[in-house]
Amino acid sequence: MSLRTRIFIIISLIILFILGVSLILLIVKKKNENAATPPANPGVKVIDAANFNGNNLQTTPTATSAPAATAILTISPLELEKNSVKQLAKIFIERYGTYSSDNDFQNLKDVESLVTPELWKKISGPMAKPPSSSFVAATVQVLSNNLTNWSAGAAEVTLKTNRTTESNGSTNQKYQGIKITLVKVSGSWLVANFEWEK
């Protein structure tokens, strides 16, 4: 092997060694930075969307300390329950009011677990009939909701909605309010009644 080849190999090995050490130092530095970074939203409580009753809420761990300028919001169990009731009313009317003659009453099946047995008897009646032969569809979007009446076992939520109906190729859009009454049955909130504004 010539002297020139030996020098080339030695210089190449030195460069590879320096690159390897630099890469290791960079990785170690990144790990230390990530370990020192606090969570993005310290103290934020996350409610499991599947739990509409406010029971056994899952929360993220809160930070042990927060920067001086950061205010940590805490919500009482009563406020969490009230928010759950409002959310349940919203989910109910959006699912119930959004349907298509092509979906074989799926909107009704989706809300069965959200309503009282008495209300289920009233709203499940159309399932006994065959679906419409002509295409009919509707969509309900909740624009706002307010808790208008509250007690330990009953609540009333008033919602403003945008209802879009499609039938025989024509589309109709209507802004309409609805009042939803909910009751607490065996620790779970259920929709007991609803009434569209005229």
N, C-alpha and C. Protein backbone atom coordinates (compact mmCIF):
# COMPACT_ATOMS: atom_id res chain seq x y z
N MET A 1 0.84 -1.15 0.00
CA MET A 1 0.00 0.00 0.00
C MET A 1 0.90 1.23 0.00
N SER A 2 0.51 2.17 -0.83
CA SER A 2 1.34 3.38 -0.94
C SER A 2 1.06 4.32 0.22
N LEU A 3 1.99 5.24 0.42
CA LEU A 3 1.87 6.23 1.49
C LEU A 3 0.63 7.09 1.28
N ARG A 4 0.37 7.41 0.07
CA ARG A 4 -0.79 8.25 -0.26
C ARG A 4 -2.10 7.54 0.15
N THR A 5 -2.23 6.26 -0.10
CA THR A 5 -3.42 5.49 0.24
C THR A 5 -3.58 5.41 1.76
N ARG A 6 -2.46 5.20 2.48
CA ARG A 6 -2.50 5.13 3.94
C ARG A 6 -2.99 6.46 4.53
N ILE A 7 -2.47 7.56 4.04
CA ILE A 7 -2.87 8.89 4.53
C ILE A 7 -4.36 9.11 4.26
N PHE A 8 -4.83 8.72 3.09
CA PHE A 8 -6.25 8.87 2.74
C PHE A 8 -7.13 8.06 3.69
N ILE A 9 -6.75 6.83 3.99
CA ILE A 9 -7.53 5.97 4.90
C ILE A 9 -7.53 6.55 6.31
N ILE A 10 -6.38 7.02 6.80
CA ILE A 10 -6.28 7.59 8.15
C ILE A 10 -7.15 8.84 8.26
N ILE A 11 -7.08 9.72 7.27
CA ILE A 11 -7.89 10.95 7.29
C ILE A 11 -9.38 10.60 7.24
N SER A 12 -9.75 9.62 6.43
CA SER A 12 -11.15 9.20 6.33
C SER A 12 -11.65 8.65 7.66
N LEU A 13 -10.83 7.84 8.34
CA LEU A 13 -11.22 7.29 9.64
C LEU A 13 -11.37 8.39 10.69
N ILE A 14 -10.48 9.37 10.67
CA ILE A 14 -10.56 10.49 11.63
C ILE A 14 -11.85 11.28 11.39
N ILE A 15 -12.18 11.55 10.14
CA ILE A 15 -13.41 12.29 9.81
C ILE A 15 -14.64 11.50 10.25
N LEU A 16 -14.67 10.19 9.99
CA LEU A 16 -15.79 9.35 10.41
C LEU A 16 -15.92 9.34 11.93
N PHE A 17 -14.80 9.28 12.65
CA PHE A 17 -14.83 9.30 14.11
C PHE A 17 -15.41 10.61 14.62
N ILE A 18 -14.99 11.74 14.05
CA ILE A 18 -15.50 13.05 14.46
C ILE A 18 -17.00 13.15 14.18
N LEU A 19 -17.45 12.69 13.02
CA LEU A 19 -18.88 12.70 12.69
C LEU A 19 -19.68 11.83 13.66
N GLY A 20 -19.16 10.67 14.01
CA GLY A 20 -19.85 9.78 14.94
C GLY A 20 -20.00 10.40 16.32
N VAL A 21 -18.92 11.00 16.83
CA VAL A 21 -18.96 11.66 18.14
C VAL A 21 -19.94 12.83 18.10
N SER A 22 -19.93 13.61 17.02
CA SER A 22 -20.84 14.75 16.90
C SER A 22 -22.29 14.28 16.90
N LEU A 23 -22.58 13.21 16.20
CA LEU A 23 -23.93 12.67 16.13
C LEU A 23 -24.40 12.19 17.51
N ILE A 24 -23.54 11.51 18.23
CA ILE A 24 -23.89 11.04 19.58
C ILE A 24 -24.16 12.22 20.51
N LEU A 25 -23.32 13.26 20.46
CA LEU A 25 -23.53 14.44 21.29
C LEU A 25 -24.84 15.14 20.94
N LEU A 26 -25.18 15.20 19.68
CA LEU A 26 -26.42 15.83 19.24
C LEU A 26 -27.64 15.06 19.77
N ILE A 27 -27.60 13.75 19.71
CA ILE A 27 -28.71 12.92 20.20
C ILE A 27 -28.87 13.09 21.71
N VAL A 28 -27.77 13.08 22.45
CA VAL A 28 -27.83 13.25 23.91
C VAL A 28 -28.40 14.62 24.26
N LYS A 29 -27.99 15.65 23.53
CA LYS A 29 -28.49 17.01 23.79
C LYS A 29 -30.01 17.08 23.54
N LYS A 30 -30.49 16.46 22.46
CA LYS A 30 -31.92 16.46 22.15
C LYS A 30 -32.72 15.76 23.25
N LYS A 31 -32.21 14.62 23.75
CA LYS A 31 -32.91 13.90 24.81
C LYS A 31 -33.01 14.75 26.07
N ASN A 32 -31.94 15.46 26.41
CA ASN A 32 -31.96 16.32 27.59
C ASN A 32 -32.94 17.48 27.42
N GLU A 33 -33.04 18.05 26.23
CA GLU A 33 -33.98 19.14 25.98
C GLU A 33 -35.42 18.64 26.08
N ASN A 34 -35.70 17.47 25.52
CA ASN A 34 -37.06 16.91 25.57
C ASN A 34 -37.47 16.56 26.99
N ALA A 35 -36.54 16.08 27.79
CA ALA A 35 -36.86 15.72 29.17
C ALA A 35 -37.15 16.96 30.01
N ALA A 36 -36.53 18.08 29.69
CA ALA A 36 -36.70 19.31 30.47
C ALA A 36 -37.91 20.11 30.03
N THR A 37 -38.52 19.78 28.88
CA THR A 37 -39.66 20.53 28.37
C THR A 37 -40.92 20.15 29.13
N PRO A 38 -41.65 21.14 29.70
CA PRO A 38 -42.90 20.82 30.41
C PRO A 38 -43.99 20.46 29.43
N PRO A 39 -45.09 19.86 29.88
CA PRO A 39 -46.20 19.54 28.98
C PRO A 39 -46.75 20.79 28.33
N ALA A 40 -47.33 20.63 27.14
CA ALA A 40 -47.81 21.77 26.36
C ALA A 40 -48.92 22.52 27.08
N ASN A 41 -49.83 21.84 27.73
CA ASN A 41 -50.96 22.47 28.41
C ASN A 41 -51.03 21.99 29.86
N PRO A 42 -50.17 22.50 30.73
CA PRO A 42 -50.21 22.01 32.10
C PRO A 42 -51.53 22.36 32.78
N GLY A 43 -52.06 21.40 33.51
CA GLY A 43 -53.26 21.65 34.27
C GLY A 43 -54.55 21.58 33.49
N VAL A 44 -54.51 21.20 32.23
CA VAL A 44 -55.73 21.13 31.44
C VAL A 44 -56.42 19.80 31.71
N LYS A 45 -57.69 19.86 32.02
CA LYS A 45 -58.45 18.64 32.27
C LYS A 45 -59.10 18.18 30.97
N VAL A 46 -59.01 16.89 30.70
CA VAL A 46 -59.58 16.32 29.49
C VAL A 46 -60.73 15.42 29.88
N ILE A 47 -61.89 15.67 29.30
CA ILE A 47 -63.07 14.87 29.60
C ILE A 47 -63.22 13.82 28.51
N ASP A 48 -63.37 12.58 28.93
CA ASP A 48 -63.60 11.49 27.99
C ASP A 48 -64.96 11.71 27.33
N ALA A 49 -64.98 11.85 26.00
CA ALA A 49 -66.21 12.16 25.28
C ALA A 49 -67.27 11.08 25.42
N ALA A 50 -66.88 9.87 25.76
CA ALA A 50 -67.85 8.79 25.90
C ALA A 50 -68.61 8.88 27.22
N ASN A 51 -68.14 9.72 28.12
CA ASN A 51 -68.78 9.82 29.44
C ASN A 51 -69.61 11.08 29.50
N PHE A 52 -70.90 10.98 29.21
CA PHE A 52 -71.77 12.15 29.20
C PHE A 52 -72.34 12.46 30.57
N ASN A 53 -72.14 11.59 31.53
CA ASN A 53 -72.80 11.74 32.82
C ASN A 53 -71.95 12.47 33.84
N GLY A 54 -70.71 12.79 33.52
CA GLY A 54 -69.87 13.49 34.47
C GLY A 54 -69.32 12.59 35.56
N ASN A 55 -69.51 11.28 35.45
CA ASN A 55 -69.03 10.34 36.47
C ASN A 55 -67.69 9.78 36.04
N ASN A 56 -66.82 9.56 36.96
CA ASN A 56 -65.51 8.95 36.71
C ASN A 56 -64.76 9.65 35.58
N LEU A 57 -64.65 10.95 35.65
CA LEU A 57 -63.99 11.70 34.59
C LEU A 57 -62.50 11.42 34.60
N GLN A 58 -61.95 11.27 33.41
CA GLN A 58 -60.52 11.06 33.27
C GLN A 58 -59.85 12.41 33.06
N THR A 59 -58.80 12.68 33.80
CA THR A 59 -58.10 13.95 33.64
C THR A 59 -56.63 13.69 33.44
N THR A 60 -55.99 14.64 32.77
CA THR A 60 -54.55 14.55 32.60
C THR A 60 -53.89 15.00 33.89
N PRO A 61 -52.67 14.52 34.17
CA PRO A 61 -51.99 14.99 35.36
C PRO A 61 -51.70 16.48 35.24
N THR A 62 -51.85 17.19 36.32
CA THR A 62 -51.58 18.62 36.29
C THR A 62 -50.13 18.86 36.65
N ALA A 63 -49.59 19.94 36.14
CA ALA A 63 -48.20 20.29 36.41
C ALA A 63 -48.07 20.69 37.88
N THR A 64 -46.89 20.43 38.45
CA THR A 64 -46.70 20.78 39.86
C THR A 64 -46.56 22.28 40.05
N SER A 65 -46.07 22.96 39.05
CA SER A 65 -45.99 24.41 39.14
C SER A 65 -46.22 25.00 37.76
N ALA A 66 -46.73 26.19 37.74
CA ALA A 66 -47.01 26.86 36.47
C ALA A 66 -46.28 28.19 36.46
N PRO A 67 -45.94 28.68 35.29
CA PRO A 67 -45.33 30.00 35.22
C PRO A 67 -46.26 31.04 35.85
N ALA A 68 -45.69 32.11 36.35
CA ALA A 68 -46.45 33.12 37.08
C ALA A 68 -47.60 33.69 36.27
N ALA A 69 -47.47 33.82 34.96
CA ALA A 69 -48.49 34.44 34.12
C ALA A 69 -49.59 33.47 33.70
N THR A 70 -49.43 32.19 33.99
CA THR A 70 -50.39 31.19 33.56
C THR A 70 -51.44 30.95 34.65
N ALA A 71 -52.71 31.08 34.27
CA ALA A 71 -53.79 30.79 35.21
C ALA A 71 -54.32 29.39 34.91
N ILE A 72 -54.43 28.58 35.93
CA ILE A 72 -54.94 27.23 35.76
C ILE A 72 -56.42 27.24 36.09
N LEU A 73 -57.23 26.86 35.11
CA LEU A 73 -58.67 26.83 35.27
C LEU A 73 -59.09 25.52 35.92
N THR A 74 -59.85 25.61 36.97
CA THR A 74 -60.40 24.40 37.57
C THR A 74 -61.92 24.49 37.47
N ILE A 75 -62.53 23.36 37.15
CA ILE A 75 -63.97 23.31 36.97
C ILE A 75 -64.55 22.40 38.04
N SER A 76 -65.59 22.86 38.68
CA SER A 76 -66.22 22.08 39.74
C SER A 76 -66.95 20.87 39.14
N PRO A 77 -67.16 19.83 39.94
CA PRO A 77 -67.91 18.67 39.44
C PRO A 77 -69.31 19.04 38.95
N LEU A 78 -69.94 20.03 39.60
CA LEU A 78 -71.27 20.46 39.16
C LEU A 78 -71.21 21.09 37.77
N GLU A 79 -70.20 21.94 37.53
CA GLU A 79 -70.05 22.55 36.21
C GLU A 79 -69.75 21.49 35.15
N LEU A 80 -68.94 20.49 35.50
CA LEU A 80 -68.66 19.40 34.56
C LEU A 80 -69.94 18.64 34.21
N GLU A 81 -70.78 18.41 35.22
CA GLU A 81 -72.04 17.70 34.97
C GLU A 81 -72.97 18.54 34.10
N LYS A 82 -73.04 19.84 34.37
CA LYS A 82 -73.88 20.72 33.55
C LYS A 82 -73.39 20.75 32.10
N ASN A 83 -72.08 20.82 31.92
CA ASN A 83 -71.53 20.80 30.56
C ASN A 83 -71.82 19.47 29.86
N SER A 84 -71.77 18.38 30.62
CA SER A 84 -72.08 17.06 30.05
C SER A 84 -73.53 17.00 29.59
N VAL A 85 -74.43 17.59 30.37
CA VAL A 85 -75.86 17.61 30.00
C VAL A 85 -76.06 18.42 28.73
N LYS A 86 -75.41 19.58 28.63
CA LYS A 86 -75.52 20.40 27.42
C LYS A 86 -74.97 19.65 26.20
N GLN A 87 -73.85 18.97 26.39
CA GLN A 87 -73.24 18.21 25.29
C GLN A 87 -74.14 17.05 24.87
N LEU A 88 -74.76 16.38 25.84
CA LEU A 88 -75.67 15.28 25.53
C LEU A 88 -76.85 15.77 24.71
N ALA A 89 -77.42 16.92 25.08
CA ALA A 89 -78.54 17.49 24.32
C ALA A 89 -78.11 17.80 22.89
N LYS A 90 -76.93 18.35 22.73
CA LYS A 90 -76.40 18.69 21.39
C LYS A 90 -76.21 17.42 20.55
N ILE A 91 -75.58 16.43 21.13
CA ILE A 91 -75.34 15.19 20.39
C ILE A 91 -76.66 14.52 20.02
N PHE A 92 -77.60 14.50 20.96
CA PHE A 92 -78.89 13.87 20.68
C PHE A 92 -79.56 14.51 19.47
N ILE A 93 -79.72 15.84 19.47
CA ILE A 93 -80.51 16.46 18.40
C ILE A 93 -79.77 16.42 17.06
N GLU A 94 -78.43 16.49 17.08
CA GLU A 94 -77.70 16.39 15.81
C GLU A 94 -77.82 14.99 15.22
N ARG A 95 -77.78 13.97 16.06
CA ARG A 95 -77.94 12.60 15.55
C ARG A 95 -79.38 12.31 15.16
N TYR A 96 -80.31 12.67 16.02
CA TYR A 96 -81.73 12.40 15.76
C TYR A 96 -82.21 13.16 14.52
N GLY A 97 -81.83 14.42 14.39
CA GLY A 97 -82.32 15.25 13.30
C GLY A 97 -81.59 15.09 11.99
N THR A 98 -80.49 14.35 11.98
CA THR A 98 -79.74 14.12 10.75
C THR A 98 -80.06 12.72 10.26
N TYR A 99 -80.73 12.65 9.12
CA TYR A 99 -81.16 11.35 8.61
C TYR A 99 -81.21 11.37 7.09
N SER A 100 -81.37 10.17 6.54
CA SER A 100 -81.53 9.99 5.10
C SER A 100 -82.43 8.78 4.90
N SER A 101 -83.26 8.84 3.87
CA SER A 101 -84.12 7.69 3.59
C SER A 101 -83.30 6.48 3.15
N ASP A 102 -82.04 6.71 2.80
CA ASP A 102 -81.16 5.62 2.38
C ASP A 102 -80.48 4.90 3.55
N ASN A 103 -80.59 5.43 4.78
CA ASN A 103 -79.80 4.85 5.87
C ASN A 103 -80.59 3.94 6.81
N ASP A 104 -81.81 3.58 6.46
CA ASP A 104 -82.59 2.59 7.20
C ASP A 104 -82.72 2.96 8.69
N PHE A 105 -83.11 4.20 8.97
CA PHE A 105 -83.38 4.69 10.32
C PHE A 105 -82.17 4.60 11.25
N GLN A 106 -80.98 4.74 10.71
CA GLN A 106 -79.78 4.68 11.54
C GLN A 106 -79.75 5.80 12.58
N ASN A 107 -80.32 6.96 12.23
CA ASN A 107 -80.35 8.07 13.19
C ASN A 107 -81.12 7.69 14.45
N LEU A 108 -82.19 6.93 14.31
CA LEU A 108 -82.97 6.50 15.48
C LEU A 108 -82.19 5.47 16.29
N LYS A 109 -81.55 4.55 15.61
CA LYS A 109 -80.76 3.53 16.31
C LYS A 109 -79.62 4.17 17.10
N ASP A 110 -79.05 5.25 16.55
CA ASP A 110 -77.93 5.93 17.22
C ASP A 110 -78.33 6.61 18.52
N VAL A 111 -79.58 7.01 18.66
CA VAL A 111 -80.00 7.74 19.86
C VAL A 111 -80.72 6.87 20.89
N GLU A 112 -80.90 5.60 20.61
CA GLU A 112 -81.66 4.75 21.54
C GLU A 112 -81.06 4.76 22.94
N SER A 113 -79.75 4.72 23.05
CA SER A 113 -79.11 4.69 24.37
C SER A 113 -79.09 6.06 25.05
N LEU A 114 -79.50 7.11 24.35
CA LEU A 114 -79.48 8.46 24.90
C LEU A 114 -80.83 8.93 25.43
N VAL A 115 -81.88 8.13 25.23
CA VAL A 115 -83.23 8.57 25.58
C VAL A 115 -83.87 7.64 26.61
N THR A 116 -84.92 8.15 27.27
CA THR A 116 -85.67 7.33 28.22
C THR A 116 -86.51 6.30 27.45
N PRO A 117 -86.90 5.22 28.10
CA PRO A 117 -87.74 4.22 27.42
C PRO A 117 -89.06 4.82 26.89
N GLU A 118 -89.63 5.77 27.63
CA GLU A 118 -90.88 6.39 27.20
C GLU A 118 -90.69 7.18 25.90
N LEU A 119 -89.61 7.96 25.83
CA LEU A 119 -89.34 8.71 24.60
C LEU A 119 -88.99 7.77 23.46
N TRP A 120 -88.28 6.68 23.76
CA TRP A 120 -87.93 5.72 22.72
C TRP A 120 -89.18 5.14 22.06
N LYS A 121 -90.21 4.87 22.86
CA LYS A 121 -91.46 4.35 22.30
C LYS A 121 -92.06 5.34 21.30
N LYS A 122 -91.97 6.63 21.61
CA LYS A 122 -92.53 7.66 20.72
C LYS A 122 -91.73 7.80 19.43
N ILE A 123 -90.40 7.87 19.56
CA ILE A 123 -89.60 8.19 18.36
C ILE A 123 -89.27 6.98 17.51
N SER A 124 -89.42 5.77 18.04
CA SER A 124 -89.07 4.58 17.24
C SER A 124 -90.23 4.09 16.39
N GLY A 125 -91.39 4.72 16.48
CA GLY A 125 -92.56 4.32 15.70
C GLY A 125 -92.30 4.23 14.20
N PRO A 126 -91.63 5.21 13.58
CA PRO A 126 -91.40 5.14 12.13
C PRO A 126 -90.58 3.94 11.68
N MET A 127 -89.85 3.29 12.59
CA MET A 127 -89.04 2.14 12.19
C MET A 127 -89.90 0.96 11.76
N ALA A 128 -91.16 0.93 12.18
CA ALA A 128 -92.06 -0.17 11.81
C ALA A 128 -92.51 -0.06 10.36
N LYS A 129 -92.43 1.15 9.80
CA LYS A 129 -92.85 1.38 8.41
C LYS A 129 -91.65 1.25 7.48
N PRO A 130 -91.88 0.92 6.22
CA PRO A 130 -90.76 0.89 5.27
C PRO A 130 -90.28 2.32 4.98
N PRO A 131 -88.99 2.48 4.66
CA PRO A 131 -88.49 3.82 4.35
C PRO A 131 -89.17 4.40 3.12
N SER A 132 -89.11 5.70 3.01
CA SER A 132 -89.71 6.41 1.88
C SER A 132 -89.09 5.94 0.57
N SER A 133 -89.92 5.82 -0.46
CA SER A 133 -89.39 5.38 -1.76
C SER A 133 -88.64 6.51 -2.46
N SER A 134 -89.00 7.76 -2.18
CA SER A 134 -88.26 8.89 -2.76
C SER A 134 -87.21 9.35 -1.75
N PHE A 135 -86.14 9.93 -2.27
CA PHE A 135 -85.02 10.34 -1.41
C PHE A 135 -85.41 11.55 -0.57
N VAL A 136 -85.19 11.43 0.73
CA VAL A 136 -85.41 12.52 1.69
C VAL A 136 -84.22 12.50 2.65
N ALA A 137 -83.66 13.67 2.91
CA ALA A 137 -82.53 13.76 3.85
C ALA A 137 -82.62 15.05 4.63
N ALA A 138 -82.05 15.03 5.82
CA ALA A 138 -82.03 16.23 6.66
C ALA A 138 -80.74 16.25 7.46
N THR A 139 -80.29 17.45 7.75
CA THR A 139 -79.10 17.64 8.57
C THR A 139 -79.41 18.71 9.60
N VAL A 140 -79.03 18.47 10.84
CA VAL A 140 -79.19 19.45 11.91
C VAL A 140 -77.81 19.79 12.45
N GLN A 141 -77.54 21.08 12.51
CA GLN A 141 -76.29 21.57 13.08
C GLN A 141 -76.64 22.51 14.23
N VAL A 142 -76.11 22.25 15.42
CA VAL A 142 -76.38 23.10 16.57
C VAL A 142 -75.48 24.32 16.51
N LEU A 143 -76.10 25.49 16.60
CA LEU A 143 -75.35 26.74 16.57
C LEU A 143 -75.03 27.25 17.97
N SER A 144 -75.95 27.04 18.91
CA SER A 144 -75.71 27.43 20.30
C SER A 144 -76.59 26.59 21.21
N ASN A 145 -76.16 26.46 22.46
CA ASN A 145 -76.99 25.76 23.44
C ASN A 145 -76.82 26.40 24.81
N ASN A 146 -77.94 26.50 25.52
CA ASN A 146 -77.96 27.12 26.84
C ASN A 146 -78.72 26.24 27.81
N LEU A 147 -78.17 26.11 28.99
CA LEU A 147 -78.85 25.39 30.05
C LEU A 147 -79.83 26.35 30.69
N THR A 148 -81.14 26.13 30.46
CA THR A 148 -82.15 27.09 30.91
C THR A 148 -82.81 26.69 32.22
N ASN A 149 -82.70 25.44 32.62
CA ASN A 149 -83.29 24.99 33.87
C ASN A 149 -82.44 23.85 34.40
N TRP A 150 -82.18 23.85 35.73
CA TRP A 150 -81.31 22.82 36.29
C TRP A 150 -81.77 22.44 37.69
N SER A 151 -81.82 21.16 37.94
CA SER A 151 -81.98 20.64 39.30
C SER A 151 -81.17 19.34 39.36
N ALA A 152 -81.11 18.74 40.54
CA ALA A 152 -80.28 17.54 40.69
C ALA A 152 -80.76 16.38 39.82
N GLY A 153 -82.06 16.34 39.49
CA GLY A 153 -82.57 15.21 38.73
C GLY A 153 -83.17 15.54 37.38
N ALA A 154 -83.21 16.83 37.02
CA ALA A 154 -83.80 17.22 35.74
C ALA A 154 -83.10 18.47 35.21
N ALA A 155 -83.11 18.61 33.90
CA ALA A 155 -82.50 19.78 33.28
C ALA A 155 -83.23 20.09 31.98
N GLU A 156 -83.11 21.34 31.57
CA GLU A 156 -83.71 21.77 30.31
C GLU A 156 -82.65 22.56 29.54
N VAL A 157 -82.45 22.19 28.30
CA VAL A 157 -81.46 22.85 27.45
C VAL A 157 -82.19 23.42 26.23
N THR A 158 -81.92 24.68 25.93
CA THR A 158 -82.49 25.32 24.74
C THR A 158 -81.37 25.47 23.72
N LEU A 159 -81.63 24.99 22.51
CA LEU A 159 -80.62 25.02 21.45
C LEU A 159 -81.13 25.79 20.25
N LYS A 160 -80.24 26.46 19.55
CA LYS A 160 -80.54 27.09 18.26
C LYS A 160 -79.87 26.22 17.20
N THR A 161 -80.64 25.87 16.17
CA THR A 161 -80.12 24.94 15.16
C THR A 161 -80.29 25.49 13.75
N ASN A 162 -79.53 24.91 12.85
CA ASN A 162 -79.66 25.14 11.42
C ASN A 162 -80.10 23.80 10.83
N ARG A 163 -81.35 23.73 10.35
CA ARG A 163 -81.90 22.49 9.78
C ARG A 163 -81.92 22.62 8.27
N THR A 164 -81.28 21.68 7.60
CA THR A 164 -81.28 21.64 6.14
C THR A 164 -81.99 20.36 5.70
N THR A 165 -83.01 20.52 4.87
CA THR A 165 -83.79 19.38 4.39
C THR A 165 -83.69 19.30 2.87
N GLU A 166 -83.51 18.09 2.37
CA GLU A 166 -83.46 17.87 0.92
C GLU A 166 -84.52 16.84 0.56
N SER A 167 -85.38 17.22 -0.40
CA SER A 167 -86.44 16.32 -0.83
C SER A 167 -86.77 16.61 -2.29
N ASN A 168 -86.84 15.57 -3.09
CA ASN A 168 -87.17 15.70 -4.52
C ASN A 168 -86.28 16.73 -5.22
N GLY A 169 -85.02 16.76 -4.87
CA GLY A 169 -84.07 17.65 -5.54
C GLY A 169 -84.06 19.08 -5.05
N SER A 170 -84.95 19.46 -4.15
CA SER A 170 -84.94 20.83 -3.63
C SER A 170 -84.42 20.83 -2.19
N THR A 171 -83.71 21.90 -1.85
CA THR A 171 -83.12 22.04 -0.52
C THR A 171 -83.78 23.18 0.22
N ASN A 172 -84.09 22.96 1.47
CA ASN A 172 -84.71 23.97 2.32
C ASN A 172 -83.87 24.13 3.58
N GLN A 173 -83.55 25.37 3.92
CA GLN A 173 -82.76 25.65 5.12
C GLN A 173 -83.60 26.46 6.10
N LYS A 174 -83.55 26.07 7.37
CA LYS A 174 -84.38 26.72 8.38
C LYS A 174 -83.60 26.82 9.69
N TYR A 175 -83.61 28.02 10.27
CA TYR A 175 -83.03 28.21 11.60
C TYR A 175 -84.15 28.04 12.60
N GLN A 176 -83.96 27.12 13.54
CA GLN A 176 -85.05 26.78 14.45
C GLN A 176 -84.50 26.44 15.83
N GLY A 177 -85.24 26.84 16.85
CA GLY A 177 -84.88 26.52 18.22
C GLY A 177 -85.55 25.23 18.66
N ILE A 178 -84.98 24.63 19.68
CA ILE A 178 -85.55 23.41 20.24
C ILE A 178 -85.29 23.39 21.74
N LYS A 179 -86.25 22.90 22.48
CA LYS A 179 -86.11 22.76 23.93
C LYS A 179 -86.04 21.27 24.23
N ILE A 180 -84.97 20.85 24.91
CA ILE A 180 -84.77 19.44 25.24
C ILE A 180 -84.81 19.29 26.76
N THR A 181 -85.62 18.36 27.23
CA THR A 181 -85.73 18.06 28.65
C THR A 181 -84.97 16.76 28.93
N LEU A 182 -84.10 16.81 29.93
CA LEU A 182 -83.32 15.64 30.31
C LEU A 182 -83.60 15.29 31.76
N VAL A 183 -83.53 14.00 32.08
CA VAL A 183 -83.73 13.53 33.45
C VAL A 183 -82.58 12.60 33.83
N LYS A 184 -82.31 12.56 35.13
CA LYS A 184 -81.25 11.68 35.62
C LYS A 184 -81.90 10.39 36.10
N VAL A 185 -81.54 9.28 35.45
CA VAL A 185 -82.11 7.97 35.77
C VAL A 185 -80.97 7.05 36.18
N SER A 186 -80.99 6.58 37.40
CA SER A 186 -79.95 5.67 37.92
C SER A 186 -78.55 6.23 37.70
N GLY A 187 -78.39 7.52 37.92
CA GLY A 187 -77.08 8.16 37.81
C GLY A 187 -76.69 8.57 36.40
N SER A 188 -77.53 8.31 35.41
CA SER A 188 -77.22 8.66 34.02
C SER A 188 -78.24 9.67 33.50
N TRP A 189 -77.76 10.65 32.76
CA TRP A 189 -78.65 11.64 32.14
C TRP A 189 -79.19 11.08 30.84
N LEU A 190 -80.52 11.21 30.64
CA LEU A 190 -81.18 10.75 29.42
C LEU A 190 -82.13 11.83 28.93
N VAL A 191 -82.34 11.86 27.62
CA VAL A 191 -83.29 12.80 27.04
C VAL A 191 -84.69 12.25 27.29
N ALA A 192 -85.56 13.07 27.90
CA ALA A 192 -86.92 12.64 28.22
C ALA A 192 -87.94 13.20 27.24
N ASN A 193 -87.65 14.38 26.67
CA ASN A 193 -88.60 15.01 25.76
C ASN A 193 -87.88 16.09 24.97
N PHE A 194 -88.44 16.45 23.82
CA PHE A 194 -87.93 17.58 23.06
C PHE A 194 -89.09 18.22 22.32
N GLU A 195 -88.96 19.52 22.09
CA GLU A 195 -90.04 20.26 21.43
C GLU A 195 -89.42 21.34 20.54
N TRP A 196 -89.71 21.25 19.24
CA TRP A 196 -89.23 22.26 18.30
C TRP A 196 -90.05 23.53 18.45
N GLU A 197 -89.38 24.68 18.33
CA GLU A 197 -90.11 25.96 18.32
C GLU A 197 -90.87 26.06 17.02
N LYS A 198 -92.02 26.74 17.09
CA LYS A 198 -92.84 26.87 15.88
C LYS A 198 -92.53 28.14 15.16
